[in-house]
Structure formats: structure tokens, C-alpha cells
Amino acid sequence: MVTVKLFATLRKAAGEPGFQSEAGNVAEVLKEAEKRYGDGVKRYLKSCIVLVNGNNIGYLKGKRTKLKDGDEVSLFPPVAGG
């Protein structure tokens, strides 16, 4: 089982701090989040920062990064400010 944590506006849009998943890679986690939470979360997923066990997937294998039991996926939406 993989733990998926949602942060900031993603957490607010989903209405919960995260979920458990049996996804085999990051792409499957993102699809599952989209299916679970709908359009409110979907708009953030395309540009969110994804970490697997604290490592940015950009330095791993991107959305093809494989997941194993006990991994933690953190999803951070883009930040806006002024």
C-alpha cells in the first residue's frame, strides 16, 4: 500500500489530507486522484510537484516511477502569491 499525501489547495479541493493506494507507479496515483476527487483536483494535477519518498520525480523516472509497498507520494500544487 502506498500513502498519498495532498498539500495546500489540493488538500482543500479534495476535502481530505490524502489516501491509500495500490498504484504501481506515479501515473496511476495521479489517475486515481483524478477519479476520486474529480475536476476540483484534476486542474491542479497537471502542474503539481510530485515527490516519492521526498525525491522529486523529475530526478527519478517521471510519472513512470515505480512504487512499492510503504512508499509515500506527496502532491504539491503550484504556488501563487504576490
N, C-alpha and C. Protein backbone atom coordinates (compact mmCIF):
# COMPACT_ATOMS: atom_id res chain seq x y z
N MET A 1 0.84 -1.17 0.00
CA MET A 1 0.00 0.00 0.00
C MET A 1 0.89 1.24 0.00
N VAL A 2 0.53 2.22 -0.79
CA VAL A 2 1.25 3.49 -0.91
C VAL A 2 0.42 4.57 -0.23
N THR A 3 1.07 5.45 0.50
CA THR A 3 0.40 6.58 1.13
C THR A 3 0.54 7.78 0.22
N VAL A 4 -0.58 8.41 -0.10
CA VAL A 4 -0.57 9.61 -0.95
C VAL A 4 -1.00 10.78 -0.07
N LYS A 5 -0.15 11.81 -0.01
CA LYS A 5 -0.44 12.99 0.79
C LYS A 5 -0.70 14.18 -0.12
N LEU A 6 -1.76 14.90 0.20
CA LEU A 6 -2.15 16.09 -0.56
C LEU A 6 -1.82 17.33 0.26
N PHE A 7 -1.37 18.39 -0.40
CA PHE A 7 -0.99 19.60 0.30
C PHE A 7 -1.69 20.83 -0.27
N ALA A 8 -1.81 21.86 0.56
CA ALA A 8 -2.31 23.19 0.21
C ALA A 8 -3.68 23.12 -0.48
N THR A 9 -3.81 23.75 -1.64
CA THR A 9 -5.10 23.82 -2.31
C THR A 9 -5.59 22.45 -2.80
N LEU A 10 -4.68 21.53 -3.03
CA LEU A 10 -5.09 20.17 -3.40
C LEU A 10 -5.84 19.52 -2.24
N ARG A 11 -5.31 19.69 -1.05
CA ARG A 11 -5.95 19.15 0.15
C ARG A 11 -7.34 19.77 0.34
N LYS A 12 -7.40 21.06 0.16
CA LYS A 12 -8.68 21.76 0.32
C LYS A 12 -9.70 21.30 -0.72
N ALA A 13 -9.26 21.18 -1.97
CA ALA A 13 -10.16 20.75 -3.05
C ALA A 13 -10.64 19.32 -2.85
N ALA A 14 -9.77 18.46 -2.32
CA ALA A 14 -10.13 17.06 -2.10
C ALA A 14 -10.99 16.88 -0.85
N GLY A 15 -10.81 17.77 0.12
CA GLY A 15 -11.57 17.65 1.36
C GLY A 15 -10.98 16.66 2.34
N GLU A 16 -9.77 16.20 2.08
CA GLU A 16 -9.08 15.28 2.99
C GLU A 16 -7.57 15.38 2.75
N PRO A 17 -6.77 14.95 3.72
CA PRO A 17 -5.32 15.11 3.60
C PRO A 17 -4.62 14.10 2.70
N GLY A 18 -5.31 13.08 2.25
CA GLY A 18 -4.69 12.09 1.39
C GLY A 18 -5.46 10.80 1.36
N PHE A 19 -4.82 9.77 0.80
CA PHE A 19 -5.48 8.47 0.67
C PHE A 19 -4.43 7.36 0.54
N GLN A 20 -4.87 6.15 0.64
CA GLN A 20 -4.03 4.97 0.45
C GLN A 20 -4.29 4.43 -0.95
N SER A 21 -3.25 3.94 -1.59
CA SER A 21 -3.38 3.46 -2.96
C SER A 21 -2.57 2.19 -3.17
N GLU A 22 -3.00 1.40 -4.12
CA GLU A 22 -2.25 0.22 -4.53
C GLU A 22 -1.63 0.43 -5.91
N ALA A 23 -1.48 1.68 -6.31
CA ALA A 23 -0.91 2.02 -7.62
C ALA A 23 0.51 1.49 -7.75
N GLY A 24 0.86 1.13 -8.97
CA GLY A 24 2.19 0.59 -9.24
C GLY A 24 3.19 1.63 -9.69
N ASN A 25 2.68 2.83 -10.10
CA ASN A 25 3.58 3.91 -10.50
C ASN A 25 2.89 5.25 -10.27
N VAL A 26 3.62 6.33 -10.47
CA VAL A 26 3.10 7.67 -10.20
C VAL A 26 1.93 8.01 -11.11
N ALA A 27 1.99 7.63 -12.37
CA ALA A 27 0.89 7.93 -13.30
C ALA A 27 -0.42 7.34 -12.79
N GLU A 28 -0.37 6.15 -12.24
CA GLU A 28 -1.57 5.51 -11.70
C GLU A 28 -2.10 6.27 -10.48
N VAL A 29 -1.20 6.79 -9.66
CA VAL A 29 -1.62 7.58 -8.49
C VAL A 29 -2.37 8.83 -8.96
N LEU A 30 -1.83 9.51 -9.96
CA LEU A 30 -2.46 10.73 -10.47
C LEU A 30 -3.83 10.43 -11.07
N LYS A 31 -3.93 9.33 -11.81
CA LYS A 31 -5.23 8.94 -12.38
C LYS A 31 -6.23 8.61 -11.28
N GLU A 32 -5.76 7.93 -10.23
CA GLU A 32 -6.63 7.58 -9.13
C GLU A 32 -7.12 8.84 -8.40
N ALA A 33 -6.23 9.79 -8.19
CA ALA A 33 -6.62 11.04 -7.53
C ALA A 33 -7.66 11.78 -8.36
N GLU A 34 -7.46 11.82 -9.66
CA GLU A 34 -8.40 12.48 -10.57
C GLU A 34 -9.77 11.80 -10.49
N LYS A 35 -9.76 10.49 -10.50
CA LYS A 35 -11.02 9.74 -10.45
C LYS A 35 -11.73 9.91 -9.10
N ARG A 36 -10.96 9.92 -8.01
CA ARG A 36 -11.52 10.06 -6.66
C ARG A 36 -12.14 11.41 -6.42
N TYR A 37 -11.45 12.47 -6.89
CA TYR A 37 -11.84 13.82 -6.50
C TYR A 37 -12.43 14.67 -7.62
N GLY A 38 -12.34 14.24 -8.85
CA GLY A 38 -12.96 14.96 -9.95
C GLY A 38 -12.24 16.22 -10.40
N ASP A 39 -12.99 17.10 -11.05
CA ASP A 39 -12.43 18.29 -11.69
C ASP A 39 -11.80 19.27 -10.71
N GLY A 40 -12.29 19.31 -9.48
CA GLY A 40 -11.73 20.23 -8.49
C GLY A 40 -10.26 19.98 -8.23
N VAL A 41 -9.84 18.74 -8.33
CA VAL A 41 -8.44 18.36 -8.11
C VAL A 41 -7.70 18.20 -9.44
N LYS A 42 -8.42 17.75 -10.44
CA LYS A 42 -7.81 17.47 -11.75
C LYS A 42 -7.02 18.66 -12.29
N ARG A 43 -7.54 19.87 -12.13
CA ARG A 43 -6.88 21.04 -12.69
C ARG A 43 -5.51 21.30 -12.06
N TYR A 44 -5.30 20.84 -10.83
CA TYR A 44 -4.01 21.02 -10.16
C TYR A 44 -3.01 19.91 -10.50
N LEU A 45 -3.51 18.75 -10.83
CA LEU A 45 -2.63 17.59 -11.01
C LEU A 45 -1.67 17.71 -12.18
N LYS A 46 -2.07 18.43 -13.22
CA LYS A 46 -1.21 18.54 -14.40
C LYS A 46 0.06 19.33 -14.12
N SER A 47 0.02 20.21 -13.14
CA SER A 47 1.19 21.05 -12.88
C SER A 47 1.73 20.90 -11.46
N CYS A 48 1.31 19.86 -10.76
CA CYS A 48 1.77 19.72 -9.38
C CYS A 48 3.17 19.14 -9.32
N ILE A 49 3.83 19.40 -8.21
CA ILE A 49 5.14 18.81 -7.93
C ILE A 49 4.88 17.49 -7.23
N VAL A 50 5.53 16.44 -7.71
CA VAL A 50 5.32 15.11 -7.15
C VAL A 50 6.64 14.62 -6.54
N LEU A 51 6.55 14.21 -5.28
CA LEU A 51 7.70 13.63 -4.60
C LEU A 51 7.39 12.19 -4.23
N VAL A 52 8.36 11.32 -4.39
CA VAL A 52 8.25 9.93 -3.93
C VAL A 52 9.32 9.75 -2.87
N ASN A 53 8.87 9.52 -1.65
CA ASN A 53 9.79 9.39 -0.52
C ASN A 53 10.73 10.59 -0.42
N GLY A 54 10.20 11.78 -0.70
CA GLY A 54 10.97 13.01 -0.59
C GLY A 54 11.80 13.37 -1.80
N ASN A 55 11.77 12.54 -2.85
CA ASN A 55 12.56 12.79 -4.06
C ASN A 55 11.65 13.23 -5.20
N ASN A 56 12.00 14.34 -5.84
CA ASN A 56 11.23 14.85 -6.96
C ASN A 56 11.28 13.84 -8.11
N ILE A 57 10.12 13.52 -8.68
CA ILE A 57 10.09 12.52 -9.76
C ILE A 57 10.82 12.99 -11.01
N GLY A 58 11.08 14.29 -11.11
CA GLY A 58 11.87 14.80 -12.23
C GLY A 58 13.29 14.25 -12.22
N TYR A 59 13.75 13.83 -11.05
CA TYR A 59 15.09 13.25 -10.93
C TYR A 59 15.04 11.72 -10.89
N LEU A 60 13.84 11.19 -10.97
CA LEU A 60 13.67 9.73 -10.99
C LEU A 60 13.27 9.34 -12.41
N LYS A 61 12.14 8.67 -12.56
CA LYS A 61 11.68 8.27 -13.90
C LYS A 61 10.36 8.93 -14.24
N GLY A 62 10.15 10.14 -13.71
CA GLY A 62 8.93 10.88 -14.01
C GLY A 62 7.70 10.10 -13.56
N LYS A 63 6.65 10.21 -14.34
CA LYS A 63 5.39 9.53 -14.00
C LYS A 63 5.51 8.01 -14.08
N ARG A 64 6.57 7.53 -14.69
CA ARG A 64 6.79 6.07 -14.77
C ARG A 64 7.50 5.53 -13.54
N THR A 65 7.82 6.41 -12.58
CA THR A 65 8.49 5.98 -11.36
C THR A 65 7.67 4.89 -10.68
N LYS A 66 8.27 3.75 -10.48
CA LYS A 66 7.58 2.62 -9.86
C LYS A 66 7.45 2.84 -8.36
N LEU A 67 6.36 2.32 -7.82
CA LEU A 67 6.08 2.43 -6.39
C LEU A 67 6.03 1.05 -5.77
N LYS A 68 6.45 0.99 -4.50
CA LYS A 68 6.38 -0.28 -3.78
C LYS A 68 5.67 -0.06 -2.46
N ASP A 69 5.31 -1.13 -1.84
CA ASP A 69 4.61 -1.09 -0.56
C ASP A 69 5.39 -0.23 0.45
N GLY A 70 4.71 0.71 1.08
CA GLY A 70 5.33 1.56 2.08
C GLY A 70 5.82 2.90 1.55
N ASP A 71 5.81 3.09 0.23
CA ASP A 71 6.24 4.37 -0.33
C ASP A 71 5.26 5.48 0.02
N GLU A 72 5.77 6.72 0.00
CA GLU A 72 4.94 7.89 0.25
C GLU A 72 5.04 8.82 -0.94
N VAL A 73 3.88 9.15 -1.51
CA VAL A 73 3.81 10.08 -2.64
C VAL A 73 3.20 11.37 -2.11
N SER A 74 3.90 12.48 -2.32
CA SER A 74 3.41 13.79 -1.88
C SER A 74 3.09 14.63 -3.12
N LEU A 75 1.90 15.23 -3.13
CA LEU A 75 1.47 16.05 -4.25
C LEU A 75 1.32 17.50 -3.80
N PHE A 76 2.10 18.38 -4.40
CA PHE A 76 2.08 19.80 -4.09
C PHE A 76 1.59 20.59 -5.30
N PRO A 77 0.51 21.35 -5.15
CA PRO A 77 0.02 22.16 -6.27
C PRO A 77 0.96 23.34 -6.51
N PRO A 78 0.83 23.97 -7.68
CA PRO A 78 1.64 25.15 -7.94
C PRO A 78 1.30 26.24 -6.92
N VAL A 79 2.28 27.04 -6.58
CA VAL A 79 2.09 28.10 -5.59
C VAL A 79 1.91 29.42 -6.30
N ALA A 80 0.95 30.20 -5.83
CA ALA A 80 0.74 31.54 -6.37
C ALA A 80 0.82 32.53 -5.23
N GLY A 81 1.26 33.66 -5.52
CA GLY A 81 1.35 34.67 -4.47
C GLY A 81 1.65 36.03 -5.06
N GLY A 82 1.74 36.98 -4.21
CA GLY A 82 2.01 38.31 -4.74
C GLY A 82 2.40 39.26 -3.65
